[in-house]
């Protein structure tokens, strides 16, 4: 399979980086074609703006409508957007590696969704969810969080699970574009966990990656 890893962490020695590196190693050894988008590494611009388009329609400016127009003009986007769109279009599976920031992906990854999952290539007014333009592709998120799992419960400090916090991404973005969405892989306790517990979680992720083809667990499947 063609697999795209979208990695969003500024620190190459971070635990998020370790997860991304394990994914790259395990999936490559399994014979998959693995491509990595290191957003901080390439200085990806997360801000959606007029300069994202090679031409503008000249009508009242609306970013989503300009996306749709650019999609119909042989991807008339800025080169950085075209590169990422082509990676997504070539991928069978996309895995996102990121830390949880304010109960959501960090800004650089949010900007990637804004600029790359465009109206006209990922979805449009007639193609969303079960008819989304990326139907048949698989997407999964691998998230690192600071506190222990017990704090991410309805009765815990955060009063919600991590999966509930990620609902806008899992449902409103990935499923919306037609992806079959894997159950998130969440690593807990980065600020309080010891080396043994973190290594255990890394080993569990490796096992999940090794079984990616055989035992997928989806929360959305079309």
C-alpha atoms as a PDB file:
ATOM      1  CA  UNK A   1       0.000   0.000   0.000  1.00  0.00           C
ATOM      2  CA  UNK A   2       0.936   3.642  -0.361  1.00  0.00           C
ATOM      3  CA  UNK A   3       1.039   5.200   3.098  1.00  0.00           C
ATOM      4  CA  UNK A   4       1.375   8.892   3.955  1.00  0.00           C
ATOM      5  CA  UNK A   5       2.575   9.906   7.422  1.00  0.00           C
ATOM      6  CA  UNK A   6       1.685  13.490   8.328  1.00  0.00           C
ATOM      7  CA  UNK A   7       3.888  14.487  11.248  1.00  0.00           C
ATOM      8  CA  UNK A   8       3.264  17.635  13.302  1.00  0.00           C
ATOM      9  CA  UNK A   9       5.800  18.201  16.076  1.00  0.00           C
ATOM     10  CA  UNK A  10       8.654  20.690  16.152  1.00  0.00           C
ATOM     11  CA  UNK A  11      11.007  18.572  18.299  1.00  0.00           C
ATOM     12  CA  UNK A  12      12.754  15.633  16.548  1.00  0.00           C
ATOM     13  CA  UNK A  13      13.485  13.934  19.898  1.00  0.00           C
ATOM     14  CA  UNK A  14       9.843  14.090  21.051  1.00  0.00           C
ATOM     15  CA  UNK A  15       7.685  11.072  21.804  1.00  0.00           C
ATOM     16  CA  UNK A  16       5.497  12.066  18.848  1.00  0.00           C
ATOM     17  CA  UNK A  17       8.604  11.844  16.672  1.00  0.00           C
ATOM     18  CA  UNK A  18       9.349   8.401  18.112  1.00  0.00           C
ATOM     19  CA  UNK A  19       5.856   7.208  17.148  1.00  0.00           C
ATOM     20  CA  UNK A  20       6.243   8.629  13.653  1.00  0.00           C
ATOM     21  CA  UNK A  21       9.672   7.002  13.275  1.00  0.00           C
ATOM     22  CA  UNK A  22       8.319   3.628  14.424  1.00  0.00           C
ATOM     23  CA  UNK A  23       5.513   3.895  11.882  1.00  0.00           C
ATOM     24  CA  UNK A  24       7.949   4.707   9.100  1.00  0.00           C
ATOM     25  CA  UNK A  25      10.226   1.803  10.041  1.00  0.00           C
ATOM     26  CA  UNK A  26       7.555  -0.860  10.603  1.00  0.00           C
ATOM     27  CA  UNK A  27       5.507  -0.016   7.527  1.00  0.00           C
ATOM     28  CA  UNK A  28       8.549   0.234   5.260  1.00  0.00           C
ATOM     29  CA  UNK A  29       9.824  -3.152   6.463  1.00  0.00           C
ATOM     30  CA  UNK A  30       6.382  -4.598   5.723  1.00  0.00           C
ATOM     31  CA  UNK A  31       6.859  -3.595   2.093  1.00  0.00           C
ATOM     32  CA  UNK A  32       4.634  -0.545   1.977  1.00  0.00           C
ATOM     33  CA  UNK A  33       5.607   2.595   0.108  1.00  0.00           C
ATOM     34  CA  UNK A  34       5.889   5.208   2.880  1.00  0.00           C
ATOM     35  CA  UNK A  35       5.982   8.977   2.337  1.00  0.00           C
ATOM     36  CA  UNK A  36       6.394  11.462   5.207  1.00  0.00           C
ATOM     37  CA  UNK A  37       5.133  15.032   5.374  1.00  0.00           C
ATOM     38  CA  UNK A  38       7.145  16.640   8.178  1.00  0.00           C
ATOM     39  CA  UNK A  39       5.200  19.867   8.541  1.00  0.00           C
ATOM     40  CA  UNK A  40       7.631  21.680  10.819  1.00  0.00           C
ATOM     41  CA  UNK A  41      10.575  20.282   8.910  1.00  0.00           C
ATOM     42  CA  UNK A  42       9.455  21.884   5.647  1.00  0.00           C
ATOM     43  CA  UNK A  43       8.107  25.032   7.303  1.00  0.00           C
ATOM     44  CA  UNK A  44       4.545  24.359   6.174  1.00  0.00           C
ATOM     45  CA  UNK A  45       2.455  27.536   6.208  1.00  0.00           C
ATOM     46  CA  UNK A  46      -0.792  26.862   8.117  1.00  0.00           C
ATOM     47  CA  UNK A  47      -2.520  30.138   7.167  1.00  0.00           C
ATOM     48  CA  UNK A  48      -5.212  29.963   4.488  1.00  0.00           C
ATOM     49  CA  UNK A  49      -4.903  33.066   2.297  1.00  0.00           C
ATOM     50  CA  UNK A  50      -5.320  34.443  -1.238  1.00  0.00           C
ATOM     51  CA  UNK A  51      -1.769  33.499  -2.147  1.00  0.00           C
ATOM     52  CA  UNK A  52      -2.816  29.850  -2.025  1.00  0.00           C
ATOM     53  CA  UNK A  53      -4.197  30.227  -5.557  1.00  0.00           C
ATOM     54  CA  UNK A  54      -2.428  30.838  -8.878  1.00  0.00           C
ATOM     55  CA  UNK A  55      -5.485  32.737 -10.113  1.00  0.00           C
ATOM     56  CA  UNK A  56      -8.625  34.151  -8.508  1.00  0.00           C
ATOM     57  CA  UNK A  57     -12.139  34.097  -9.917  1.00  0.00           C
ATOM     58  CA  UNK A  58     -12.573  37.847  -9.537  1.00  0.00           C
ATOM     59  CA  UNK A  59     -15.868  37.362  -7.760  1.00  0.00           C
ATOM     60  CA  UNK A  60     -16.563  38.237  -4.135  1.00  0.00           C
ATOM     61  CA  UNK A  61     -13.691  36.493  -2.372  1.00  0.00           C
ATOM     62  CA  UNK A  62     -14.617  33.278  -0.599  1.00  0.00           C
ATOM     63  CA  UNK A  63     -11.804  30.858   0.210  1.00  0.00           C
ATOM     64  CA  UNK A  64     -13.830  27.670  -0.255  1.00  0.00           C
ATOM     65  CA  UNK A  65     -15.238  28.836  -3.583  1.00  0.00           C
ATOM     66  CA  UNK A  66     -11.738  29.718  -4.751  1.00  0.00           C
ATOM     67  CA  UNK A  67     -10.646  26.212  -3.750  1.00  0.00           C
ATOM     68  CA  UNK A  68     -13.386  24.701  -5.860  1.00  0.00           C
ATOM     69  CA  UNK A  69     -12.444  26.869  -8.834  1.00  0.00           C
ATOM     70  CA  UNK A  70      -8.754  25.987  -8.478  1.00  0.00           C
ATOM     71  CA  UNK A  71      -9.599  22.275  -8.340  1.00  0.00           C
ATOM     72  CA  UNK A  72     -11.353  22.574 -11.691  1.00  0.00           C
ATOM     73  CA  UNK A  73      -8.317  24.305 -13.217  1.00  0.00           C
ATOM     74  CA  UNK A  74      -5.879  21.413 -12.927  1.00  0.00           C
ATOM     75  CA  UNK A  75      -5.051  22.153  -9.275  1.00  0.00           C
ATOM     76  CA  UNK A  76      -4.302  25.863  -9.688  1.00  0.00           C
ATOM     77  CA  UNK A  77      -2.953  26.128  -6.141  1.00  0.00           C
ATOM     78  CA  UNK A  78       0.386  27.242  -4.748  1.00  0.00           C
ATOM     79  CA  UNK A  79       3.093  24.545  -5.140  1.00  0.00           C
ATOM     80  CA  UNK A  80       3.121  23.535  -1.459  1.00  0.00           C
ATOM     81  CA  UNK A  81      -0.605  22.748  -1.566  1.00  0.00           C
ATOM     82  CA  UNK A  82      -0.315  20.857  -4.860  1.00  0.00           C
ATOM     83  CA  UNK A  83       2.483  18.708  -3.404  1.00  0.00           C
ATOM     84  CA  UNK A  84       0.366  17.734  -0.388  1.00  0.00           C
ATOM     85  CA  UNK A  85      -2.790  17.107  -2.426  1.00  0.00           C
ATOM     86  CA  UNK A  86      -0.863  14.789  -4.721  1.00  0.00           C
ATOM     87  CA  UNK A  87       0.495  12.884  -1.719  1.00  0.00           C
ATOM     88  CA  UNK A  88      -3.043  12.431  -0.385  1.00  0.00           C
ATOM     89  CA  UNK A  89      -4.380  11.368  -3.763  1.00  0.00           C
ATOM     90  CA  UNK A  90      -1.633   8.758  -4.104  1.00  0.00           C
ATOM     91  CA  UNK A  91      -2.099   7.372  -0.584  1.00  0.00           C
ATOM     92  CA  UNK A  92      -4.200   4.387   0.411  1.00  0.00           C
ATOM     93  CA  UNK A  93      -3.674   5.147   4.108  1.00  0.00           C
ATOM     94  CA  UNK A  94      -2.868   8.407   5.903  1.00  0.00           C
ATOM     95  CA  UNK A  95      -1.669   8.407   9.500  1.00  0.00           C
ATOM     96  CA  UNK A  96      -1.439  11.671  11.441  1.00  0.00           C
ATOM     97  CA  UNK A  97       1.013  11.982  14.339  1.00  0.00           C
ATOM     98  CA  UNK A  98       0.543  14.968  16.641  1.00  0.00           C
ATOM     99  CA  UNK A  99       0.318  16.141  20.260  1.00  0.00           C
ATOM    100  CA  UNK A 100      -3.025  17.268  21.665  1.00  0.00           C
ATOM    101  CA  UNK A 101      -3.129  21.062  21.990  1.00  0.00           C
ATOM    102  CA  UNK A 102      -6.174  22.622  23.653  1.00  0.00           C
ATOM    103  CA  UNK A 103      -8.103  19.404  22.977  1.00  0.00           C
ATOM    104  CA  UNK A 104      -7.366  19.561  19.250  1.00  0.00           C
ATOM    105  CA  UNK A 105      -4.549  19.188  16.708  1.00  0.00           C
ATOM    106  CA  UNK A 106      -1.860  21.902  16.816  1.00  0.00           C
ATOM    107  CA  UNK A 107      -2.237  24.921  14.545  1.00  0.00           C
ATOM    108  CA  UNK A 108       0.194  23.730  11.895  1.00  0.00           C
ATOM    109  CA  UNK A 109      -1.841  20.547  11.354  1.00  0.00           C
ATOM    110  CA  UNK A 110      -5.174  22.370  11.492  1.00  0.00           C
ATOM    111  CA  UNK A 111      -3.807  24.598   8.737  1.00  0.00           C
ATOM    112  CA  UNK A 112      -2.865  21.522   6.736  1.00  0.00           C
ATOM    113  CA  UNK A 113      -6.476  20.359   6.871  1.00  0.00           C
ATOM    114  CA  UNK A 114      -7.699  23.836   5.921  1.00  0.00           C
ATOM    115  CA  UNK A 115      -5.391  24.186   2.922  1.00  0.00           C
ATOM    116  CA  UNK A 116      -4.992  20.605   1.668  1.00  0.00           C
ATOM    117  CA  UNK A 117      -8.396  18.924   2.095  1.00  0.00           C
ATOM    118  CA  UNK A 118      -9.837  21.329  -0.411  1.00  0.00           C
ATOM    119  CA  UNK A 119     -13.309  21.824  -1.715  1.00  0.00           C
ATOM    120  CA  UNK A 120     -13.138  20.118  -5.079  1.00  0.00           C
ATOM    121  CA  UNK A 121     -10.503  17.503  -4.244  1.00  0.00           C
ATOM    122  CA  UNK A 122     -11.686  16.142  -0.872  1.00  0.00           C
ATOM    123  CA  UNK A 123     -15.333  17.124  -0.843  1.00  0.00           C
ATOM    124  CA  UNK A 124     -17.909  19.387  -2.468  1.00  0.00           C
ATOM    125  CA  UNK A 125     -21.590  20.200  -2.066  1.00  0.00           C
ATOM    126  CA  UNK A 126     -22.589  16.837  -3.542  1.00  0.00           C
ATOM    127  CA  UNK A 127     -19.829  14.683  -2.095  1.00  0.00           C
ATOM    128  CA  UNK A 128     -19.421  14.283   1.667  1.00  0.00           C
ATOM    129  CA  UNK A 129     -19.345  11.448   4.198  1.00  0.00           C
ATOM    130  CA  UNK A 130     -20.381   8.262   2.313  1.00  0.00           C
ATOM    131  CA  UNK A 131     -19.877  10.030  -1.029  1.00  0.00           C
ATOM    132  CA  UNK A 132     -16.827  12.061  -0.015  1.00  0.00           C
ATOM    133  CA  UNK A 133     -14.184  12.392  -2.710  1.00  0.00           C
ATOM    134  CA  UNK A 134     -11.649  10.403  -0.655  1.00  0.00           C
ATOM    135  CA  UNK A 135     -13.986   7.474  -0.118  1.00  0.00           C
ATOM    136  CA  UNK A 136     -12.055   4.201  -0.007  1.00  0.00           C
ATOM    137  CA  UNK A 137      -8.970   5.713   1.609  1.00  0.00           C
ATOM    138  CA  UNK A 138      -8.109   5.067   5.260  1.00  0.00           C
ATOM    139  CA  UNK A 139      -7.153   7.730   7.797  1.00  0.00           C
ATOM    140  CA  UNK A 140      -5.931   7.310  11.359  1.00  0.00           C
ATOM    141  CA  UNK A 141      -4.694   9.615  14.089  1.00  0.00           C
ATOM    142  CA  UNK A 142      -1.956   8.883  16.622  1.00  0.00           C
ATOM    143  CA  UNK A 143      -2.105  11.372  19.484  1.00  0.00           C
ATOM    144  CA  UNK A 144       0.110  12.099  22.476  1.00  0.00           C
ATOM    145  CA  UNK A 145      -1.354  13.610  25.652  1.00  0.00           C
ATOM    146  CA  UNK A 146       0.243  14.740  28.893  1.00  0.00           C
ATOM    147  CA  UNK A 147      -2.011  13.307  31.590  1.00  0.00           C
ATOM    148  CA  UNK A 148      -2.867   9.748  32.532  1.00  0.00           C
ATOM    149  CA  UNK A 149      -5.855   8.044  30.911  1.00  0.00           C
ATOM    150  CA  UNK A 150      -7.983   8.291  34.084  1.00  0.00           C
ATOM    151  CA  UNK A 151      -8.082  12.066  33.707  1.00  0.00           C
ATOM    152  CA  UNK A 152      -9.652  11.785  30.231  1.00  0.00           C
ATOM    153  CA  UNK A 153     -13.044  10.437  31.313  1.00  0.00           C
ATOM    154  CA  UNK A 154     -16.456  12.028  31.820  1.00  0.00           C
ATOM    155  CA  UNK A 155     -15.768  12.088  35.550  1.00  0.00           C
ATOM    156  CA  UNK A 156     -12.090  13.016  35.237  1.00  0.00           C
ATOM    157  CA  UNK A 157     -10.289  16.329  35.264  1.00  0.00           C
ATOM    158  CA  UNK A 158     -10.893  16.943  31.540  1.00  0.00           C
ATOM    159  CA  UNK A 159     -14.514  15.670  31.665  1.00  0.00           C
ATOM    160  CA  UNK A 160     -14.243  13.983  28.270  1.00  0.00           C
ATOM    161  CA  UNK A 161     -12.311  11.249  26.526  1.00  0.00           C
ATOM    162  CA  UNK A 162      -9.640  12.151  23.998  1.00  0.00           C
ATOM    163  CA  UNK A 163     -11.774  10.606  21.265  1.00  0.00           C
ATOM    164  CA  UNK A 164     -14.642  12.900  22.239  1.00  0.00           C
ATOM    165  CA  UNK A 165     -12.294  15.883  22.084  1.00  0.00           C
ATOM    166  CA  UNK A 166     -11.242  14.838  18.595  1.00  0.00           C
ATOM    167  CA  UNK A 167     -14.804  14.476  17.289  1.00  0.00           C
ATOM    168  CA  UNK A 168     -14.569  17.591  15.075  1.00  0.00           C
ATOM    169  CA  UNK A 169     -11.511  16.088  13.363  1.00  0.00           C
ATOM    170  CA  UNK A 170     -12.618  12.457  13.193  1.00  0.00           C
ATOM    171  CA  UNK A 171     -16.206  13.148  12.171  1.00  0.00           C
ATOM    172  CA  UNK A 172     -16.307  16.693  10.815  1.00  0.00           C
ATOM    173  CA  UNK A 173     -13.110  16.522   8.760  1.00  0.00           C
ATOM    174  CA  UNK A 174     -11.914  12.991   7.981  1.00  0.00           C
ATOM    175  CA  UNK A 175     -15.243  11.163   7.783  1.00  0.00           C
ATOM    176  CA  UNK A 176     -16.732  14.210   6.059  1.00  0.00           C
ATOM    177  CA  UNK A 177     -14.227  13.761   3.217  1.00  0.00           C
ATOM    178  CA  UNK A 178     -15.153  10.086   2.895  1.00  0.00           C
ATOM    179  CA  UNK A 179     -12.195   8.493   4.685  1.00  0.00           C
ATOM    180  CA  UNK A 180     -12.645   5.226   6.523  1.00  0.00           C
ATOM    181  CA  UNK A 181     -11.450   6.399   9.939  1.00  0.00           C
ATOM    182  CA  UNK A 182      -9.449   4.133  12.227  1.00  0.00           C
ATOM    183  CA  UNK A 183      -9.910   4.101  15.978  1.00  0.00           C
ATOM    184  CA  UNK A 184      -7.406   6.653  17.325  1.00  0.00           C
ATOM    185  CA  UNK A 185      -4.203   5.432  18.936  1.00  0.00           C
ATOM    186  CA  UNK A 186      -3.675   7.543  22.060  1.00  0.00           C
ATOM    187  CA  UNK A 187      -0.554   7.564  24.219  1.00  0.00           C
ATOM    188  CA  UNK A 188      -1.074   8.866  27.734  1.00  0.00           C
ATOM    189  CA  UNK A 189       1.037  10.245  30.535  1.00  0.00           C
ATOM    190  CA  UNK A 190       3.834  12.009  28.693  1.00  0.00           C
ATOM    191  CA  UNK A 191       4.368  14.480  31.522  1.00  0.00           C
ATOM    192  CA  UNK A 192       4.028  11.938  34.324  1.00  0.00           C
ATOM    193  CA  UNK A 193       4.781   8.551  32.768  1.00  0.00           C
ATOM    194  CA  UNK A 194       7.997   6.687  33.376  1.00  0.00           C
ATOM    195  CA  UNK A 195      10.237   5.295  30.664  1.00  0.00           C
ATOM    196  CA  UNK A 196       8.835   1.790  31.077  1.00  0.00           C
ATOM    197  CA  UNK A 197       5.202   2.829  30.503  1.00  0.00           C
ATOM    198  CA  UNK A 198       6.126   4.967  27.500  1.00  0.00           C
ATOM    199  CA  UNK A 199       8.116   2.114  25.969  1.00  0.00           C
ATOM    200  CA  UNK A 200       5.141  -0.197  26.509  1.00  0.00           C
ATOM    201  CA  UNK A 201       2.882   2.172  24.595  1.00  0.00           C
ATOM    202  CA  UNK A 202       5.440   2.448  21.809  1.00  0.00           C
ATOM    203  CA  UNK A 203       5.583  -1.348  21.586  1.00  0.00           C
ATOM    204  CA  UNK A 204       1.767  -1.511  21.464  1.00  0.00           C
ATOM    205  CA  UNK A 205       1.769   0.941  18.570  1.00  0.00           C
ATOM    206  CA  UNK A 206       4.285  -1.205  16.722  1.00  0.00           C
ATOM    207  CA  UNK A 207       1.998  -4.222  17.098  1.00  0.00           C
ATOM    208  CA  UNK A 208      -0.966  -2.255  15.791  1.00  0.00           C
ATOM    209  CA  UNK A 209       1.023  -1.111  12.763  1.00  0.00           C
ATOM    210  CA  UNK A 210       2.143  -4.660  12.031  1.00  0.00           C
ATOM    211  CA  UNK A 211      -1.532  -5.698  11.967  1.00  0.00           C
ATOM    212  CA  UNK A 212      -2.746  -2.643  10.057  1.00  0.00           C
ATOM    213  CA  UNK A 213      -3.954  -4.637   7.064  1.00  0.00           C
ATOM    214  CA  UNK A 214      -5.412  -7.585   8.947  1.00  0.00           C
ATOM    215  CA  UNK A 215      -7.122  -6.097  11.979  1.00  0.00           C
ATOM    216  CA  UNK A 216      -8.300  -2.565  11.270  1.00  0.00           C
ATOM    217  CA  UNK A 217     -10.746  -1.142  13.798  1.00  0.00           C
ATOM    218  CA  UNK A 218     -12.848   1.600  12.255  1.00  0.00           C
ATOM    219  CA  UNK A 219     -15.040   4.183  13.958  1.00  0.00           C
ATOM    220  CA  UNK A 220     -16.339   5.318  10.538  1.00  0.00           C
ATOM    221  CA  UNK A 221     -16.443   3.071   7.483  1.00  0.00           C
ATOM    222  CA  UNK A 222     -18.179   3.685   4.183  1.00  0.00           C
END
